[in-house]
PDB file of N, CA and C in Angstrom:
ATOM      1  N   UNK A   1     -35.268 -58.312 -35.455  1.00  0.00           N
ATOM      2  CA  UNK A   1     -33.970 -57.817 -35.031  1.00  0.00           C
ATOM      3  C   UNK A   1     -32.832 -58.678 -35.560  1.00  0.00           C
ATOM      4  N   UNK A   2     -33.084 -59.889 -35.867  1.00  0.00           N
ATOM      5  CA  UNK A   2     -32.083 -60.778 -36.468  1.00  0.00           C
ATOM      6  C   UNK A   2     -30.792 -60.884 -35.658  1.00  0.00           C
ATOM      7  N   UNK A   3     -30.899 -60.906 -34.331  1.00  0.00           N
ATOM      8  CA  UNK A   3     -29.716 -61.062 -33.487  1.00  0.00           C
ATOM      9  C   UNK A   3     -28.925 -59.785 -33.280  1.00  0.00           C
ATOM     10  N   UNK A   4     -29.330 -58.684 -33.896  1.00  0.00           N
ATOM     11  CA  UNK A   4     -28.617 -57.414 -33.752  1.00  0.00           C
ATOM     12  C   UNK A   4     -29.035 -56.741 -32.450  1.00  0.00           C
ATOM     13  N   UNK A   5     -28.076 -56.319 -31.680  1.00  0.00           N
ATOM     14  CA  UNK A   5     -28.338 -55.671 -30.396  1.00  0.00           C
ATOM     15  C   UNK A   5     -27.669 -54.303 -30.439  1.00  0.00           C
ATOM     16  N   UNK A   6     -28.442 -53.240 -30.384  1.00  0.00           N
ATOM     17  CA  UNK A   6     -27.905 -51.889 -30.530  1.00  0.00           C
ATOM     18  C   UNK A   6     -27.258 -51.404 -29.232  1.00  0.00           C
ATOM     19  N   UNK A   7     -25.947 -51.544 -29.146  1.00  0.00           N
ATOM     20  CA  UNK A   7     -25.218 -51.117 -27.961  1.00  0.00           C
ATOM     21  C   UNK A   7     -25.211 -49.599 -27.819  1.00  0.00           C
ATOM     22  N   UNK A   8     -25.341 -48.867 -28.923  1.00  0.00           N
ATOM     23  CA  UNK A   8     -25.279 -47.405 -28.891  1.00  0.00           C
ATOM     24  C   UNK A   8     -26.476 -46.793 -28.151  1.00  0.00           C
ATOM     25  N   UNK A   9     -27.472 -47.614 -27.821  1.00  0.00           N
ATOM     26  CA  UNK A   9     -28.648 -47.097 -27.121  1.00  0.00           C
ATOM     27  C   UNK A   9     -28.299 -46.505 -25.771  1.00  0.00           C
ATOM     28  N   UNK A  10     -27.158 -46.869 -25.205  1.00  0.00           N
ATOM     29  CA  UNK A  10     -26.779 -46.365 -23.883  1.00  0.00           C
ATOM     30  C   UNK A  10     -26.067 -45.015 -23.941  1.00  0.00           C
ATOM     31  N   UNK A  11     -25.631 -44.589 -25.130  1.00  0.00           N
ATOM     32  CA  UNK A  11     -24.964 -43.286 -25.245  1.00  0.00           C
ATOM     33  C   UNK A  11     -25.960 -42.190 -24.858  1.00  0.00           C
ATOM     34  N   UNK A  12     -25.536 -41.321 -23.944  1.00  0.00           N
ATOM     35  CA  UNK A  12     -26.393 -40.257 -23.445  1.00  0.00           C
ATOM     36  C   UNK A  12     -27.118 -40.617 -22.158  1.00  0.00           C
ATOM     37  N   UNK A  13     -27.095 -41.890 -21.776  1.00  0.00           N
ATOM     38  CA  UNK A  13     -27.776 -42.337 -20.553  1.00  0.00           C
ATOM     39  C   UNK A  13     -26.919 -42.042 -19.329  1.00  0.00           C
ATOM     40  N   UNK A  14     -27.580 -41.946 -18.184  1.00  0.00           N
ATOM     41  CA  UNK A  14     -26.910 -41.709 -16.909  1.00  0.00           C
ATOM     42  C   UNK A  14     -26.946 -42.987 -16.095  1.00  0.00           C
ATOM     43  N   UNK A  15     -25.850 -43.274 -15.417  1.00  0.00           N
ATOM     44  CA  UNK A  15     -25.755 -44.444 -14.563  1.00  0.00           C
ATOM     45  C   UNK A  15     -24.938 -44.129 -13.324  1.00  0.00           C
ATOM     46  N   UNK A  16     -24.456 -45.171 -12.651  1.00  0.00           N
ATOM     47  CA  UNK A  16     -23.696 -45.020 -11.413  1.00  0.00           C
ATOM     48  C   UNK A  16     -22.408 -45.829 -11.509  1.00  0.00           C
ATOM     49  N   UNK A  17     -21.307 -45.213 -11.092  1.00  0.00           N
ATOM     50  CA  UNK A  17     -20.031 -45.928 -11.022  1.00  0.00           C
ATOM     51  C   UNK A  17     -20.091 -46.917  -9.863  1.00  0.00           C
ATOM     52  N   UNK A  18     -19.797 -48.166 -10.124  1.00  0.00           N
ATOM     53  CA  UNK A  18     -19.770 -49.195  -9.078  1.00  0.00           C
ATOM     54  C   UNK A  18     -18.371 -49.359  -8.509  1.00  0.00           C
ATOM     55  N   UNK A  19     -17.362 -48.916  -9.258  1.00  0.00           N
ATOM     56  CA  UNK A  19     -15.968 -48.935  -8.806  1.00  0.00           C
ATOM     57  C   UNK A  19     -15.351 -47.592  -9.168  1.00  0.00           C
ATOM     58  N   UNK A  20     -14.182 -47.306  -8.621  1.00  0.00           N
ATOM     59  CA  UNK A  20     -13.448 -46.113  -9.036  1.00  0.00           C
ATOM     60  C   UNK A  20     -13.011 -46.278 -10.489  1.00  0.00           C
ATOM     61  N   UNK A  21     -12.989 -45.166 -11.218  1.00  0.00           N
ATOM     62  CA  UNK A  21     -12.555 -45.143 -12.613  1.00  0.00           C
ATOM     63  C   UNK A  21     -11.574 -43.986 -12.753  1.00  0.00           C
ATOM     64  N   UNK A  22     -10.518 -44.179 -13.515  1.00  0.00           N
ATOM     65  CA  UNK A  22      -9.553 -43.108 -13.747  1.00  0.00           C
ATOM     66  C   UNK A  22      -8.981 -43.268 -15.157  1.00  0.00           C
ATOM     67  N   UNK A  23      -8.220 -42.276 -15.610  1.00  0.00           N
ATOM     68  CA  UNK A  23      -7.619 -42.403 -16.939  1.00  0.00           C
ATOM     69  C   UNK A  23      -6.715 -43.636 -17.073  1.00  0.00           C
ATOM     70  N   UNK A  24      -6.204 -44.107 -15.945  1.00  0.00           N
ATOM     71  CA  UNK A  24      -5.297 -45.263 -15.978  1.00  0.00           C
ATOM     72  C   UNK A  24      -5.964 -46.558 -15.539  1.00  0.00           C
ATOM     73  N   UNK A  25      -7.251 -46.482 -15.130  1.00  0.00           N
ATOM     74  CA  UNK A  25      -7.905 -47.668 -14.570  1.00  0.00           C
ATOM     75  C   UNK A  25      -9.344 -47.793 -15.069  1.00  0.00           C
ATOM     76  N   UNK A  26      -9.616 -48.847 -15.796  1.00  0.00           N
ATOM     77  CA  UNK A  26     -10.979 -49.135 -16.228  1.00  0.00           C
ATOM     78  C   UNK A  26     -11.783 -49.565 -15.010  1.00  0.00           C
ATOM     79  N   UNK A  27     -13.056 -49.194 -14.985  1.00  0.00           N
ATOM     80  CA  UNK A  27     -13.918 -49.561 -13.872  1.00  0.00           C
ATOM     81  C   UNK A  27     -15.211 -50.188 -14.341  1.00  0.00           C
ATOM     82  N   UNK A  28     -16.187 -50.217 -13.450  1.00  0.00           N
ATOM     83  CA  UNK A  28     -17.490 -50.820 -13.734  1.00  0.00           C
ATOM     84  C   UNK A  28     -18.575 -49.798 -13.423  1.00  0.00           C
ATOM     85  N   UNK A  29     -19.568 -49.705 -14.322  1.00  0.00           N
ATOM     86  CA  UNK A  29     -20.714 -48.824 -14.112  1.00  0.00           C
ATOM     87  C   UNK A  29     -22.007 -49.606 -14.301  1.00  0.00           C
ATOM     88  N   UNK A  30     -23.084 -49.088 -13.702  1.00  0.00           N
ATOM     89  CA  UNK A  30     -24.423 -49.651 -13.827  1.00  0.00           C
ATOM     90  C   UNK A  30     -25.226 -48.667 -14.667  1.00  0.00           C
ATOM     91  N   UNK A  31     -25.606 -49.093 -15.876  1.00  0.00           N
ATOM     92  CA  UNK A  31     -26.367 -48.237 -16.798  1.00  0.00           C
ATOM     93  C   UNK A  31     -27.458 -49.080 -17.444  1.00  0.00           C
ATOM     94  N   UNK A  32     -28.689 -48.547 -17.453  1.00  0.00           N
ATOM     95  CA  UNK A  32     -29.807 -49.242 -18.110  1.00  0.00           C
ATOM     96  C   UNK A  32     -29.972 -50.671 -17.595  1.00  0.00           C
ATOM     97  N   UNK A  33     -29.875 -50.836 -16.290  1.00  0.00           N
ATOM     98  CA  UNK A  33     -30.069 -52.131 -15.618  1.00  0.00           C
ATOM     99  C   UNK A  33     -29.050 -53.183 -16.025  1.00  0.00           C
ATOM    100  N   UNK A  34     -27.850 -52.731 -16.433  1.00  0.00           N
ATOM    101  CA  UNK A  34     -26.774 -53.656 -16.805  1.00  0.00           C
ATOM    102  C   UNK A  34     -25.443 -53.136 -16.283  1.00  0.00           C
ATOM    103  N   UNK A  35     -24.546 -54.069 -15.958  1.00  0.00           N
ATOM    104  CA  UNK A  35     -23.178 -53.730 -15.574  1.00  0.00           C
ATOM    105  C   UNK A  35     -22.338 -53.643 -16.840  1.00  0.00           C
ATOM    106  N   UNK A  36     -21.498 -52.609 -16.916  1.00  0.00           N
ATOM    107  CA  UNK A  36     -20.627 -52.387 -18.073  1.00  0.00           C
ATOM    108  C   UNK A  36     -19.216 -52.068 -17.595  1.00  0.00           C
ATOM    109  N   UNK A  37     -18.224 -52.433 -18.396  1.00  0.00           N
ATOM    110  CA  UNK A  37     -16.870 -51.916 -18.201  1.00  0.00           C
ATOM    111  C   UNK A  37     -16.887 -50.480 -18.694  1.00  0.00           C
ATOM    112  N   UNK A  38     -16.109 -49.626 -18.032  1.00  0.00           N
ATOM    113  CA  UNK A  38     -16.113 -48.220 -18.413  1.00  0.00           C
ATOM    114  C   UNK A  38     -14.734 -47.606 -18.239  1.00  0.00           C
ATOM    115  N   UNK A  39     -14.469 -46.599 -19.065  1.00  0.00           N
ATOM    116  CA  UNK A  39     -13.247 -45.822 -18.929  1.00  0.00           C
ATOM    117  C   UNK A  39     -13.600 -44.346 -18.997  1.00  0.00           C
ATOM    118  N   UNK A  40     -12.685 -43.513 -18.484  1.00  0.00           N
ATOM    119  CA  UNK A  40     -12.918 -42.081 -18.439  1.00  0.00           C
ATOM    120  C   UNK A  40     -11.585 -41.357 -18.467  1.00  0.00           C
ATOM    121  N   UNK A  41     -11.600 -40.111 -18.934  1.00  0.00           N
ATOM    122  CA  UNK A  41     -10.384 -39.307 -18.887  1.00  0.00           C
ATOM    123  C   UNK A  41     -10.336 -38.450 -17.628  1.00  0.00           C
ATOM    124  N   UNK A  42     -11.253 -38.703 -16.686  1.00  0.00           N
ATOM    125  CA  UNK A  42     -11.251 -38.000 -15.406  1.00  0.00           C
ATOM    126  C   UNK A  42     -11.428 -39.001 -14.270  1.00  0.00           C
ATOM    127  N   UNK A  43     -11.074 -38.571 -13.071  1.00  0.00           N
ATOM    128  CA  UNK A  43     -11.232 -39.413 -11.884  1.00  0.00           C
ATOM    129  C   UNK A  43     -12.709 -39.463 -11.499  1.00  0.00           C
ATOM    130  N   UNK A  44     -13.246 -40.656 -11.336  1.00  0.00           N
ATOM    131  CA  UNK A  44     -14.626 -40.858 -10.906  1.00  0.00           C
ATOM    132  C   UNK A  44     -14.600 -41.854  -9.760  1.00  0.00           C
ATOM    133  N   UNK A  45     -15.252 -41.521  -8.678  1.00  0.00           N
ATOM    134  CA  UNK A  45     -15.301 -42.391  -7.503  1.00  0.00           C
ATOM    135  C   UNK A  45     -16.538 -43.281  -7.540  1.00  0.00           C
ATOM    136  N   UNK A  46     -16.432 -44.458  -6.946  1.00  0.00           N
ATOM    137  CA  UNK A  46     -17.576 -45.362  -6.823  1.00  0.00           C
ATOM    138  C   UNK A  46     -18.724 -44.614  -6.163  1.00  0.00           C
ATOM    139  N   UNK A  47     -19.929 -44.770  -6.712  1.00  0.00           N
ATOM    140  CA  UNK A  47     -21.108 -44.118  -6.171  1.00  0.00           C
ATOM    141  C   UNK A  47     -21.491 -42.840  -6.896  1.00  0.00           C
ATOM    142  N   UNK A  48     -20.567 -42.265  -7.664  1.00  0.00           N
ATOM    143  CA  UNK A  48     -20.882 -41.038  -8.400  1.00  0.00           C
ATOM    144  C   UNK A  48     -21.709 -41.361  -9.642  1.00  0.00           C
ATOM    145  N   UNK A  49     -22.557 -40.408 -10.018  1.00  0.00           N
ATOM    146  CA  UNK A  49     -23.331 -40.559 -11.250  1.00  0.00           C
ATOM    147  C   UNK A  49     -22.424 -40.286 -12.441  1.00  0.00           C
ATOM    148  N   UNK A  50     -22.634 -41.053 -13.506  1.00  0.00           N
ATOM    149  CA  UNK A  50     -21.856 -40.897 -14.733  1.00  0.00           C
ATOM    150  C   UNK A  50     -22.796 -40.772 -15.928  1.00  0.00           C
ATOM    151  N   UNK A  51     -22.304 -40.134 -16.977  1.00  0.00           N
ATOM    152  CA  UNK A  51     -23.043 -40.037 -18.231  1.00  0.00           C
ATOM    153  C   UNK A  51     -22.216 -40.710 -19.307  1.00  0.00           C
ATOM    154  N   UNK A  52     -22.855 -41.535 -20.118  1.00  0.00           N
ATOM    155  CA  UNK A  52     -22.166 -42.245 -21.199  1.00  0.00           C
ATOM    156  C   UNK A  52     -22.011 -41.282 -22.370  1.00  0.00           C
ATOM    157  N   UNK A  53     -20.757 -41.092 -22.831  1.00  0.00           N
ATOM    158  CA  UNK A  53     -20.518 -40.192 -23.951  1.00  0.00           C
ATOM    159  C   UNK A  53     -20.106 -40.929 -25.222  1.00  0.00           C
ATOM    160  N   UNK A  54     -19.711 -42.197 -25.101  1.00  0.00           N
ATOM    161  CA  UNK A  54     -19.315 -42.981 -26.278  1.00  0.00           C
ATOM    162  C   UNK A  54     -19.240 -44.447 -25.864  1.00  0.00           C
ATOM    163  N   UNK A  55     -19.066 -45.298 -26.843  1.00  0.00           N
ATOM    164  CA  UNK A  55     -18.846 -46.719 -26.579  1.00  0.00           C
ATOM    165  C   UNK A  55     -17.764 -47.221 -27.525  1.00  0.00           C
ATOM    166  N   UNK A  56     -16.813 -47.958 -26.972  1.00  0.00           N
ATOM    167  CA  UNK A  56     -15.709 -48.524 -27.741  1.00  0.00           C
ATOM    168  C   UNK A  56     -15.726 -50.025 -27.532  1.00  0.00           C
ATOM    169  N   UNK A  57     -16.156 -50.750 -28.536  1.00  0.00           N
ATOM    170  CA  UNK A  57     -16.317 -52.195 -28.391  1.00  0.00           C
ATOM    171  C   UNK A  57     -17.424 -52.460 -27.394  1.00  0.00           C
ATOM    172  N   UNK A  58     -17.082 -53.097 -26.277  1.00  0.00           N
ATOM    173  CA  UNK A  58     -18.059 -53.354 -25.213  1.00  0.00           C
ATOM    174  C   UNK A  58     -17.762 -52.526 -23.969  1.00  0.00           C
ATOM    175  N   UNK A  59     -16.936 -51.484 -24.127  1.00  0.00           N
ATOM    176  CA  UNK A  59     -16.565 -50.618 -23.007  1.00  0.00           C
ATOM    177  C   UNK A  59     -17.170 -49.238 -23.207  1.00  0.00           C
ATOM    178  N   UNK A  60     -17.828 -48.734 -22.155  1.00  0.00           N
ATOM    179  CA  UNK A  60     -18.424 -47.404 -22.224  1.00  0.00           C
ATOM    180  C   UNK A  60     -17.382 -46.347 -21.888  1.00  0.00           C
ATOM    181  N   UNK A  61     -17.474 -45.201 -22.553  1.00  0.00           N
ATOM    182  CA  UNK A  61     -16.675 -44.035 -22.223  1.00  0.00           C
ATOM    183  C   UNK A  61     -17.612 -43.103 -21.467  1.00  0.00           C
ATOM    184  N   UNK A  62     -17.224 -42.738 -20.232  1.00  0.00           N
ATOM    185  CA  UNK A  62     -18.111 -41.965 -19.367  1.00  0.00           C
ATOM    186  C   UNK A  62     -17.433 -40.711 -18.843  1.00  0.00           C
ATOM    187  N   UNK A  63     -18.280 -39.781 -18.349  1.00  0.00           N
ATOM    188  CA  UNK A  63     -17.809 -38.603 -17.621  1.00  0.00           C
ATOM    189  C   UNK A  63     -18.752 -38.434 -16.438  1.00  0.00           C
ATOM    190  N   UNK A  64     -18.338 -37.588 -15.480  1.00  0.00           N
ATOM    191  CA  UNK A  64     -19.203 -37.302 -14.342  1.00  0.00           C
ATOM    192  C   UNK A  64     -20.481 -36.652 -14.822  1.00  0.00           C
ATOM    193  N   UNK A  65     -21.602 -37.079 -14.279  1.00  0.00           N
ATOM    194  CA  UNK A  65     -22.906 -36.505 -14.692  1.00  0.00           C
ATOM    195  C   UNK A  65     -23.208 -35.257 -13.897  1.00  0.00           C
TER     196      UNK A  65
END
């Protein structure tokens, strides 16, 4: 692997919002046994299931699952 870590592996995975997320507020999600920063173009409440649709840097782009 030579130190390469494929972050794109989480795209398409389902996780859980640990905090509220909104278009104006980045939040935190639990996906693939890891905590991630996340953003969304819709309102998501803590506890709701989310699906990863993209990744920007180290931040996941999610929608309601």
